[in-house]
Amino acid sequence: MSTVANLVVGLIGLLHVYILVLEMFLWDKPVGLRAFGQTREFATATKVLAANQGLYNGFLAAGLFWGLGLGDAGTGVKLFFLGCVLVAGVYGAATASRRILWIQALPAAVGLTLVLLA
């Protein structure tokens, strides 16, 4: 069970690295515009804000990878950062887009459950 839990934690970490890249580097590029359903004008006006947002996603990924790197001693770290991802996902779903609930919050909830069961 811990192997499955760690795999899910790793995938969530990789997802947040991908979000970092989208928000920090591709926000106003075609792939970023499609991913977030925005206009070029809006993306240009909010590019600095998006980069900041992307940096925070990088911190979430770093925390998840740190927890994985600690092995069995990293359970608390994984739970903390998965909890942060879950809260961010619920908040994002409530304020920005319901898609965030499925893309970010649900995987975090599954990861939390698996880590707790492992």
N, C-alpha and C. Protein backbone atom coordinates (compact mmCIF):
# COMPACT_ATOMS: atom_id res chain seq x y z
N MET A 1 0.82 -1.20 0.00
CA MET A 1 0.00 0.00 0.00
C MET A 1 0.86 1.26 0.00
N SER A 2 2.01 1.22 0.71
CA SER A 2 2.84 2.43 0.75
C SER A 2 3.44 2.74 -0.62
N THR A 3 3.68 1.71 -1.43
CA THR A 3 4.19 1.95 -2.78
C THR A 3 3.16 2.70 -3.61
N VAL A 4 1.91 2.30 -3.52
CA VAL A 4 0.83 2.97 -4.25
C VAL A 4 0.67 4.40 -3.74
N ALA A 5 0.70 4.57 -2.43
CA ALA A 5 0.58 5.91 -1.83
C ALA A 5 1.71 6.80 -2.32
N ASN A 6 2.94 6.28 -2.30
CA ASN A 6 4.08 7.08 -2.75
C ASN A 6 4.01 7.39 -4.25
N LEU A 7 3.51 6.47 -5.02
CA LEU A 7 3.33 6.71 -6.46
C LEU A 7 2.34 7.86 -6.69
N VAL A 8 1.24 7.84 -5.96
CA VAL A 8 0.24 8.90 -6.09
C VAL A 8 0.83 10.23 -5.63
N VAL A 9 1.55 10.25 -4.53
CA VAL A 9 2.20 11.47 -4.05
C VAL A 9 3.16 12.00 -5.12
N GLY A 10 3.94 11.12 -5.71
CA GLY A 10 4.87 11.52 -6.77
C GLY A 10 4.16 12.09 -7.98
N LEU A 11 3.05 11.47 -8.37
CA LEU A 11 2.27 11.98 -9.51
C LEU A 11 1.68 13.36 -9.21
N ILE A 12 1.22 13.55 -7.99
CA ILE A 12 0.69 14.86 -7.60
C ILE A 12 1.82 15.89 -7.62
N GLY A 13 3.00 15.50 -7.16
CA GLY A 13 4.15 16.39 -7.24
C GLY A 13 4.47 16.77 -8.68
N LEU A 14 4.47 15.79 -9.57
CA LEU A 14 4.72 16.07 -10.99
C LEU A 14 3.64 16.96 -11.59
N LEU A 15 2.39 16.75 -11.19
CA LEU A 15 1.30 17.61 -11.65
C LEU A 15 1.58 19.06 -11.27
N HIS A 16 2.08 19.28 -10.07
CA HIS A 16 2.35 20.65 -9.63
C HIS A 16 3.58 21.25 -10.29
N VAL A 17 4.52 20.41 -10.70
CA VAL A 17 5.63 20.92 -11.52
C VAL A 17 5.07 21.36 -12.88
N TYR A 18 4.17 20.58 -13.44
CA TYR A 18 3.54 20.93 -14.72
C TYR A 18 2.76 22.24 -14.60
N ILE A 19 2.02 22.40 -13.51
CA ILE A 19 1.28 23.64 -13.29
C ILE A 19 2.24 24.81 -13.15
N LEU A 20 3.36 24.59 -12.46
CA LEU A 20 4.39 25.63 -12.34
C LEU A 20 4.84 26.07 -13.73
N VAL A 21 5.15 25.13 -14.60
CA VAL A 21 5.61 25.46 -15.95
C VAL A 21 4.53 26.22 -16.71
N LEU A 22 3.29 25.75 -16.61
CA LEU A 22 2.20 26.44 -17.30
C LEU A 22 2.06 27.88 -16.82
N GLU A 23 2.09 28.07 -15.51
CA GLU A 23 1.83 29.40 -14.96
C GLU A 23 3.04 30.34 -15.05
N MET A 24 4.23 29.80 -14.91
CA MET A 24 5.40 30.67 -14.91
C MET A 24 5.95 30.94 -16.31
N PHE A 25 5.85 29.98 -17.21
CA PHE A 25 6.53 30.09 -18.49
C PHE A 25 5.60 30.06 -19.71
N LEU A 26 4.43 29.46 -19.57
CA LEU A 26 3.55 29.29 -20.73
C LEU A 26 2.22 30.02 -20.59
N TRP A 27 2.09 30.86 -19.59
CA TRP A 27 0.83 31.54 -19.28
C TRP A 27 0.24 32.26 -20.48
N ASP A 28 1.07 32.98 -21.22
CA ASP A 28 0.58 33.77 -22.35
C ASP A 28 0.89 33.13 -23.71
N LYS A 29 1.28 31.88 -23.67
CA LYS A 29 1.54 31.12 -24.90
C LYS A 29 0.27 30.32 -25.24
N PRO A 30 0.15 29.82 -26.47
CA PRO A 30 -1.07 29.09 -26.86
C PRO A 30 -1.45 27.96 -25.90
N VAL A 31 -0.49 27.18 -25.44
CA VAL A 31 -0.83 26.07 -24.54
C VAL A 31 -1.38 26.59 -23.21
N GLY A 32 -0.81 27.66 -22.69
CA GLY A 32 -1.30 28.26 -21.46
C GLY A 32 -2.67 28.90 -21.64
N LEU A 33 -2.86 29.56 -22.75
CA LEU A 33 -4.16 30.17 -23.03
C LEU A 33 -5.25 29.12 -23.09
N ARG A 34 -4.94 27.98 -23.75
CA ARG A 34 -5.93 26.88 -23.83
C ARG A 34 -6.16 26.25 -22.47
N ALA A 35 -5.09 26.01 -21.73
CA ALA A 35 -5.21 25.33 -20.44
C ALA A 35 -6.09 26.10 -19.46
N PHE A 36 -5.98 27.42 -19.50
CA PHE A 36 -6.71 28.24 -18.54
C PHE A 36 -7.89 28.98 -19.16
N GLY A 37 -8.15 28.76 -20.46
CA GLY A 37 -9.30 29.34 -21.12
C GLY A 37 -9.36 30.85 -21.04
N GLN A 38 -8.27 31.49 -21.41
CA GLN A 38 -8.20 32.95 -21.29
C GLN A 38 -7.78 33.60 -22.60
N THR A 39 -7.96 34.89 -22.65
CA THR A 39 -7.55 35.65 -23.83
C THR A 39 -6.08 36.07 -23.68
N ARG A 40 -5.47 36.37 -24.80
CA ARG A 40 -4.08 36.84 -24.79
C ARG A 40 -3.97 38.14 -23.99
N GLU A 41 -4.96 39.02 -24.12
CA GLU A 41 -4.93 40.30 -23.41
C GLU A 41 -4.95 40.09 -21.90
N PHE A 42 -5.83 39.20 -21.44
CA PHE A 42 -5.91 38.92 -20.01
C PHE A 42 -4.61 38.28 -19.53
N ALA A 43 -4.09 37.35 -20.31
CA ALA A 43 -2.85 36.67 -19.93
C ALA A 43 -1.69 37.65 -19.84
N THR A 44 -1.61 38.58 -20.77
CA THR A 44 -0.54 39.58 -20.74
C THR A 44 -0.66 40.44 -19.49
N ALA A 45 -1.88 40.83 -19.15
CA ALA A 45 -2.11 41.70 -18.00
C ALA A 45 -1.84 40.99 -16.67
N THR A 46 -1.96 39.66 -16.64
CA THR A 46 -1.84 38.93 -15.38
C THR A 46 -0.61 38.03 -15.32
N LYS A 47 0.31 38.20 -16.25
CA LYS A 47 1.46 37.32 -16.36
C LYS A 47 2.30 37.28 -15.07
N VAL A 48 2.53 38.41 -14.45
CA VAL A 48 3.34 38.46 -13.22
C VAL A 48 2.62 37.74 -12.08
N LEU A 49 1.31 37.94 -11.99
CA LEU A 49 0.54 37.25 -10.95
C LEU A 49 0.58 35.74 -11.15
N ALA A 50 0.46 35.32 -12.39
CA ALA A 50 0.48 33.88 -12.70
C ALA A 50 1.83 33.27 -12.36
N ALA A 51 2.90 34.00 -12.61
CA ALA A 51 4.23 33.49 -12.29
C ALA A 51 4.37 33.29 -10.79
N ASN A 52 3.84 34.20 -10.01
CA ASN A 52 3.86 34.07 -8.56
C ASN A 52 3.07 32.84 -8.13
N GLN A 53 1.92 32.66 -8.73
CA GLN A 53 1.07 31.50 -8.48
C GLN A 53 1.81 30.21 -8.83
N GLY A 54 2.51 30.22 -9.95
CA GLY A 54 3.27 29.05 -10.36
C GLY A 54 4.37 28.71 -9.37
N LEU A 55 5.00 29.74 -8.83
CA LEU A 55 6.05 29.51 -7.84
C LEU A 55 5.50 28.77 -6.62
N TYR A 56 4.31 29.15 -6.18
CA TYR A 56 3.68 28.46 -5.05
C TYR A 56 3.40 27.00 -5.38
N ASN A 57 2.99 26.73 -6.60
CA ASN A 57 2.79 25.33 -7.00
C ASN A 57 4.11 24.56 -6.97
N GLY A 58 5.20 25.24 -7.30
CA GLY A 58 6.51 24.62 -7.20
C GLY A 58 6.86 24.27 -5.76
N PHE A 59 6.49 25.14 -4.84
CA PHE A 59 6.74 24.84 -3.42
C PHE A 59 5.95 23.63 -2.96
N LEU A 60 4.71 23.51 -3.44
CA LEU A 60 3.92 22.31 -3.10
C LEU A 60 4.60 21.05 -3.64
N ALA A 61 5.06 21.11 -4.88
CA ALA A 61 5.75 19.96 -5.47
C ALA A 61 7.01 19.64 -4.68
N ALA A 62 7.79 20.66 -4.33
CA ALA A 62 9.03 20.44 -3.58
C ALA A 62 8.74 19.78 -2.24
N GLY A 63 7.69 20.21 -1.58
CA GLY A 63 7.33 19.60 -0.30
C GLY A 63 6.94 18.14 -0.44
N LEU A 64 6.19 17.83 -1.49
CA LEU A 64 5.80 16.43 -1.72
C LEU A 64 7.02 15.57 -2.03
N PHE A 65 7.93 16.09 -2.85
CA PHE A 65 9.15 15.34 -3.17
C PHE A 65 10.05 15.20 -1.93
N TRP A 66 10.08 16.22 -1.10
CA TRP A 66 10.85 16.16 0.15
C TRP A 66 10.30 15.03 1.03
N GLY A 67 8.97 14.98 1.17
CA GLY A 67 8.34 13.92 1.96
C GLY A 67 8.67 12.55 1.41
N LEU A 68 8.66 12.41 0.09
CA LEU A 68 9.02 11.12 -0.52
C LEU A 68 10.48 10.78 -0.24
N GLY A 69 11.34 11.77 -0.31
CA GLY A 69 12.77 11.55 -0.10
C GLY A 69 13.11 11.13 1.33
N LEU A 70 12.24 11.47 2.27
CA LEU A 70 12.47 11.10 3.67
C LEU A 70 12.06 9.66 3.97
N GLY A 71 11.47 8.99 3.01
CA GLY A 71 11.03 7.61 3.23
C GLY A 71 9.94 7.54 4.27
N ASP A 72 10.00 6.55 5.14
CA ASP A 72 8.97 6.37 6.16
C ASP A 72 8.89 7.56 7.11
N ALA A 73 9.99 8.24 7.31
CA ALA A 73 10.02 9.41 8.20
C ALA A 73 9.30 10.61 7.58
N GLY A 74 8.96 10.54 6.30
CA GLY A 74 8.34 11.67 5.61
C GLY A 74 6.82 11.67 5.62
N THR A 75 6.21 10.77 6.36
CA THR A 75 4.74 10.68 6.35
C THR A 75 4.10 12.01 6.75
N GLY A 76 4.59 12.62 7.81
CA GLY A 76 4.03 13.89 8.26
C GLY A 76 4.20 14.98 7.23
N VAL A 77 5.34 15.01 6.56
CA VAL A 77 5.59 16.01 5.53
C VAL A 77 4.63 15.80 4.36
N LYS A 78 4.47 14.56 3.95
CA LYS A 78 3.54 14.26 2.85
C LYS A 78 2.11 14.66 3.22
N LEU A 79 1.70 14.34 4.43
CA LEU A 79 0.34 14.69 4.86
C LEU A 79 0.15 16.20 4.88
N PHE A 80 1.15 16.93 5.38
CA PHE A 80 1.04 18.38 5.42
C PHE A 80 0.88 18.97 4.02
N PHE A 81 1.77 18.57 3.11
CA PHE A 81 1.72 19.16 1.77
C PHE A 81 0.51 18.68 0.97
N LEU A 82 0.08 17.45 1.16
CA LEU A 82 -1.16 17.00 0.52
C LEU A 82 -2.35 17.80 1.06
N GLY A 83 -2.33 18.09 2.35
CA GLY A 83 -3.38 18.92 2.94
C GLY A 83 -3.37 20.32 2.33
N CYS A 84 -2.18 20.88 2.12
CA CYS A 84 -2.07 22.19 1.47
C CYS A 84 -2.63 22.15 0.05
N VAL A 85 -2.31 21.08 -0.69
CA VAL A 85 -2.82 20.93 -2.05
C VAL A 85 -4.35 20.82 -2.02
N LEU A 86 -4.88 20.06 -1.08
CA LEU A 86 -6.33 19.90 -0.97
C LEU A 86 -7.01 21.23 -0.68
N VAL A 87 -6.49 21.98 0.29
CA VAL A 87 -7.09 23.27 0.62
C VAL A 87 -7.00 24.23 -0.57
N ALA A 88 -5.84 24.27 -1.22
CA ALA A 88 -5.68 25.13 -2.40
C ALA A 88 -6.66 24.72 -3.50
N GLY A 89 -6.86 23.42 -3.68
CA GLY A 89 -7.78 22.94 -4.71
C GLY A 89 -9.22 23.29 -4.41
N VAL A 90 -9.62 23.14 -3.17
CA VAL A 90 -10.99 23.49 -2.78
C VAL A 90 -11.21 25.00 -2.93
N TYR A 91 -10.24 25.78 -2.48
CA TYR A 91 -10.35 27.24 -2.61
C TYR A 91 -10.39 27.65 -4.10
N GLY A 92 -9.52 27.06 -4.90
CA GLY A 92 -9.50 27.37 -6.32
C GLY A 92 -10.81 26.98 -7.00
N ALA A 93 -11.38 25.86 -6.60
CA ALA A 93 -12.65 25.44 -7.18
C ALA A 93 -13.77 26.39 -6.79
N ALA A 94 -13.71 26.91 -5.58
CA ALA A 94 -14.76 27.82 -5.10
C ALA A 94 -14.63 29.21 -5.70
N THR A 95 -13.40 29.61 -6.04
CA THR A 95 -13.19 31.00 -6.46
C THR A 95 -12.83 31.17 -7.93
N ALA A 96 -12.27 30.16 -8.56
CA ALA A 96 -11.76 30.33 -9.92
C ALA A 96 -12.45 29.41 -10.93
N SER A 97 -12.37 28.11 -10.72
CA SER A 97 -12.92 27.16 -11.69
C SER A 97 -13.22 25.83 -10.99
N ARG A 98 -14.38 25.31 -11.23
CA ARG A 98 -14.74 24.01 -10.63
C ARG A 98 -13.83 22.87 -11.10
N ARG A 99 -13.22 23.05 -12.26
CA ARG A 99 -12.29 22.02 -12.77
C ARG A 99 -11.17 21.74 -11.78
N ILE A 100 -10.79 22.76 -11.02
CA ILE A 100 -9.69 22.61 -10.06
C ILE A 100 -10.03 21.56 -9.00
N LEU A 101 -11.32 21.41 -8.71
CA LEU A 101 -11.73 20.39 -7.75
C LEU A 101 -11.30 19.00 -8.21
N TRP A 102 -11.45 18.74 -9.51
CA TRP A 102 -11.13 17.41 -10.06
C TRP A 102 -9.65 17.27 -10.36
N ILE A 103 -9.01 18.36 -10.78
CA ILE A 103 -7.61 18.30 -11.19
C ILE A 103 -6.67 18.33 -9.99
N GLN A 104 -7.01 19.07 -8.96
CA GLN A 104 -6.10 19.28 -7.84
C GLN A 104 -6.62 18.69 -6.53
N ALA A 105 -7.86 19.02 -6.15
CA ALA A 105 -8.36 18.62 -4.83
C ALA A 105 -8.62 17.11 -4.73
N LEU A 106 -9.26 16.54 -5.73
CA LEU A 106 -9.56 15.10 -5.67
C LEU A 106 -8.30 14.25 -5.60
N PRO A 107 -7.30 14.48 -6.46
CA PRO A 107 -6.07 13.70 -6.31
C PRO A 107 -5.42 13.86 -4.93
N ALA A 108 -5.46 15.07 -4.39
CA ALA A 108 -4.89 15.28 -3.06
C ALA A 108 -5.65 14.50 -2.00
N ALA A 109 -6.98 14.45 -2.10
CA ALA A 109 -7.79 13.69 -1.15
C ALA A 109 -7.47 12.20 -1.26
N VAL A 110 -7.31 11.72 -2.48
CA VAL A 110 -6.95 10.31 -2.68
C VAL A 110 -5.55 10.06 -2.09
N GLY A 111 -4.61 10.95 -2.36
CA GLY A 111 -3.28 10.80 -1.81
C GLY A 111 -3.27 10.81 -0.30
N LEU A 112 -4.01 11.73 0.31
CA LEU A 112 -4.11 11.77 1.77
C LEU A 112 -4.64 10.45 2.32
N THR A 113 -5.68 9.96 1.70
CA THR A 113 -6.28 8.69 2.15
C THR A 113 -5.29 7.54 2.04
N LEU A 114 -4.58 7.47 0.92
CA LEU A 114 -3.62 6.38 0.73
C LEU A 114 -2.45 6.47 1.71
N VAL A 115 -1.95 7.68 1.94
CA VAL A 115 -0.84 7.85 2.89
C VAL A 115 -1.30 7.46 4.29
N LEU A 116 -2.50 7.86 4.67
CA LEU A 116 -3.01 7.50 6.00
C LEU A 116 -3.20 6.00 6.15
N LEU A 117 -3.60 5.33 5.06
CA LEU A 117 -3.81 3.88 5.12
C LEU A 117 -2.52 3.08 5.05
N ALA A 118 -1.46 3.70 4.54
CA ALA A 118 -0.20 2.96 4.31
C ALA A 118 0.51 2.66 5.58
